[in-house]
Amino acid sequence: MKKNATKDTITIPKDEYRLLKELHKTVKRQNFLLRIDEAERNLVAGKVKKVPVDTFIEGI
């Protein structure tokens, strides 16, 4: 079974492109902030994994 890969392109106005680009950056930033918030809540709740430094270094 052979599949043909085609590349379709579209043209969007510059204003819409800038808006989409800024929206993408904002969503990435919000996702990062949510991850930080979740990490802080886990620290407060004591949900941390304690590993000796030597074991940590060996795992890298």
N, C-alpha and C. Protein backbone atom coordinates (compact mmCIF):
# COMPACT_ATOMS: atom_id res chain seq x y z
N MET A 1 0.85 -1.17 0.00
CA MET A 1 0.00 0.00 0.00
C MET A 1 0.90 1.24 0.00
N LYS A 2 0.77 2.04 -1.00
CA LYS A 2 1.62 3.21 -1.15
C LYS A 2 0.83 4.46 -0.74
N LYS A 3 1.48 5.31 0.06
CA LYS A 3 0.84 6.55 0.47
C LYS A 3 1.59 7.72 -0.15
N ASN A 4 0.85 8.65 -0.65
CA ASN A 4 1.46 9.85 -1.20
C ASN A 4 1.42 10.95 -0.15
N ALA A 5 2.55 11.55 0.09
CA ALA A 5 2.60 12.67 1.03
C ALA A 5 2.61 13.95 0.21
N THR A 6 1.66 14.79 0.49
CA THR A 6 1.61 16.07 -0.21
C THR A 6 1.71 17.18 0.82
N LYS A 7 2.27 18.26 0.40
CA LYS A 7 2.39 19.42 1.28
C LYS A 7 1.46 20.50 0.74
N ASP A 8 0.42 20.73 1.50
CA ASP A 8 -0.50 21.79 1.14
C ASP A 8 -0.09 23.04 1.91
N THR A 9 -0.12 24.13 1.26
CA THR A 9 0.22 25.39 1.93
C THR A 9 -0.98 26.31 1.84
N ILE A 10 -1.04 27.17 2.83
CA ILE A 10 -2.09 28.17 2.84
C ILE A 10 -1.44 29.54 3.03
N THR A 11 -2.15 30.53 2.67
CA THR A 11 -1.68 31.89 2.85
C THR A 11 -2.60 32.59 3.83
N ILE A 12 -1.99 33.15 4.88
CA ILE A 12 -2.79 33.90 5.84
C ILE A 12 -2.22 35.30 5.94
N PRO A 13 -3.07 36.25 6.24
CA PRO A 13 -2.60 37.63 6.37
C PRO A 13 -1.61 37.76 7.54
N LYS A 14 -0.74 38.76 7.44
CA LYS A 14 0.29 38.97 8.45
C LYS A 14 -0.29 39.21 9.84
N ASP A 15 -1.39 39.93 9.92
CA ASP A 15 -1.99 40.22 11.24
C ASP A 15 -2.45 38.93 11.92
N GLU A 16 -3.09 38.06 11.17
CA GLU A 16 -3.54 36.79 11.73
C GLU A 16 -2.35 35.92 12.12
N TYR A 17 -1.30 35.96 11.32
CA TYR A 17 -0.10 35.19 11.63
C TYR A 17 0.51 35.67 12.95
N ARG A 18 0.62 36.97 13.10
CA ARG A 18 1.16 37.53 14.35
C ARG A 18 0.29 37.14 15.54
N LEU A 19 -1.02 37.18 15.35
CA LEU A 19 -1.94 36.81 16.42
C LEU A 19 -1.76 35.34 16.81
N LEU A 20 -1.68 34.45 15.82
CA LEU A 20 -1.48 33.03 16.10
C LEU A 20 -0.14 32.78 16.78
N LYS A 21 0.88 33.49 16.35
CA LYS A 21 2.20 33.33 16.93
C LYS A 21 2.20 33.77 18.40
N GLU A 22 1.56 34.90 18.69
CA GLU A 22 1.47 35.39 20.06
C GLU A 22 0.62 34.46 20.92
N LEU A 23 -0.45 33.93 20.35
CA LEU A 23 -1.29 32.99 21.07
C LEU A 23 -0.51 31.73 21.44
N HIS A 24 0.28 31.24 20.51
CA HIS A 24 1.11 30.06 20.76
C HIS A 24 2.09 30.33 21.91
N LYS A 25 2.75 31.48 21.89
CA LYS A 25 3.68 31.83 22.96
C LYS A 25 2.97 31.93 24.30
N THR A 26 1.77 32.50 24.30
CA THR A 26 1.01 32.66 25.54
C THR A 26 0.61 31.31 26.12
N VAL A 27 0.16 30.41 25.27
CA VAL A 27 -0.26 29.09 25.73
C VAL A 27 0.95 28.33 26.29
N LYS A 28 2.09 28.42 25.62
CA LYS A 28 3.30 27.76 26.12
C LYS A 28 3.69 28.34 27.48
N ARG A 29 3.60 29.65 27.63
CA ARG A 29 3.94 30.31 28.90
C ARG A 29 2.99 29.87 30.00
N GLN A 30 1.69 29.80 29.71
CA GLN A 30 0.71 29.38 30.70
C GLN A 30 0.94 27.94 31.12
N ASN A 31 1.27 27.08 30.16
CA ASN A 31 1.56 25.68 30.47
C ASN A 31 2.76 25.58 31.41
N PHE A 32 3.79 26.38 31.15
CA PHE A 32 4.97 26.38 32.00
C PHE A 32 4.61 26.86 33.41
N LEU A 33 3.82 27.91 33.51
CA LEU A 33 3.43 28.42 34.82
C LEU A 33 2.58 27.42 35.59
N LEU A 34 1.72 26.69 34.89
CA LEU A 34 0.93 25.66 35.55
C LEU A 34 1.81 24.54 36.08
N ARG A 35 2.83 24.19 35.34
CA ARG A 35 3.75 23.15 35.81
C ARG A 35 4.50 23.61 37.05
N ILE A 36 4.91 24.88 37.08
CA ILE A 36 5.59 25.42 38.26
C ILE A 36 4.65 25.41 39.45
N ASP A 37 3.41 25.83 39.22
CA ASP A 37 2.41 25.85 40.30
C ASP A 37 2.18 24.45 40.86
N GLU A 38 2.08 23.47 39.98
CA GLU A 38 1.89 22.09 40.42
C GLU A 38 3.09 21.59 41.21
N ALA A 39 4.30 21.95 40.78
CA ALA A 39 5.51 21.55 41.49
C ALA A 39 5.54 22.18 42.89
N GLU A 40 5.14 23.44 42.99
CA GLU A 40 5.12 24.10 44.29
C GLU A 40 4.10 23.44 45.22
N ARG A 41 2.93 23.08 44.69
CA ARG A 41 1.92 22.41 45.51
C ARG A 41 2.42 21.04 45.99
N ASN A 42 3.12 20.33 45.13
CA ASN A 42 3.67 19.04 45.52
C ASN A 42 4.72 19.19 46.61
N LEU A 43 5.53 20.23 46.52
CA LEU A 43 6.53 20.47 47.56
C LEU A 43 5.87 20.76 48.90
N VAL A 44 4.85 21.61 48.87
CA VAL A 44 4.14 21.95 50.11
C VAL A 44 3.47 20.72 50.70
N ALA A 45 2.92 19.87 49.85
CA ALA A 45 2.22 18.68 50.31
C ALA A 45 3.19 17.56 50.72
N GLY A 46 4.47 17.78 50.51
CA GLY A 46 5.46 16.76 50.87
C GLY A 46 5.58 15.64 49.88
N LYS A 47 5.05 15.83 48.69
CA LYS A 47 5.13 14.80 47.65
C LYS A 47 6.45 14.96 46.89
N VAL A 48 7.53 14.62 47.55
CA VAL A 48 8.84 14.73 46.93
C VAL A 48 9.55 13.40 47.04
N LYS A 49 10.44 13.18 46.13
CA LYS A 49 11.22 11.94 46.13
C LYS A 49 12.62 12.32 46.58
N LYS A 50 13.07 11.68 47.64
CA LYS A 50 14.41 11.96 48.16
C LYS A 50 15.36 10.90 47.65
N VAL A 51 16.44 11.36 47.03
CA VAL A 51 17.43 10.47 46.45
C VAL A 51 18.80 10.95 46.90
N PRO A 52 19.66 10.05 47.32
CA PRO A 52 21.03 10.47 47.66
C PRO A 52 21.72 11.10 46.45
N VAL A 53 22.61 12.04 46.72
CA VAL A 53 23.27 12.77 45.64
C VAL A 53 24.04 11.83 44.74
N ASP A 54 24.74 10.87 45.30
CA ASP A 54 25.52 9.94 44.48
C ASP A 54 24.63 9.15 43.53
N THR A 55 23.48 8.72 44.03
CA THR A 55 22.55 7.98 43.18
C THR A 55 22.00 8.86 42.06
N PHE A 56 21.72 10.10 42.40
CA PHE A 56 21.22 11.06 41.40
C PHE A 56 22.26 11.27 40.30
N ILE A 57 23.50 11.48 40.70
CA ILE A 57 24.58 11.73 39.72
C ILE A 57 24.78 10.49 38.84
N GLU A 58 24.71 9.31 39.43
CA GLU A 58 24.88 8.09 38.64
C GLU A 58 23.75 7.92 37.61
N GLY A 59 22.56 8.43 37.95
CA GLY A 59 21.42 8.30 37.06
C GLY A 59 21.45 9.25 35.87
N ILE A 60 22.33 10.21 35.94
CA ILE A 60 22.39 11.21 34.86
C ILE A 60 23.17 10.72 33.70
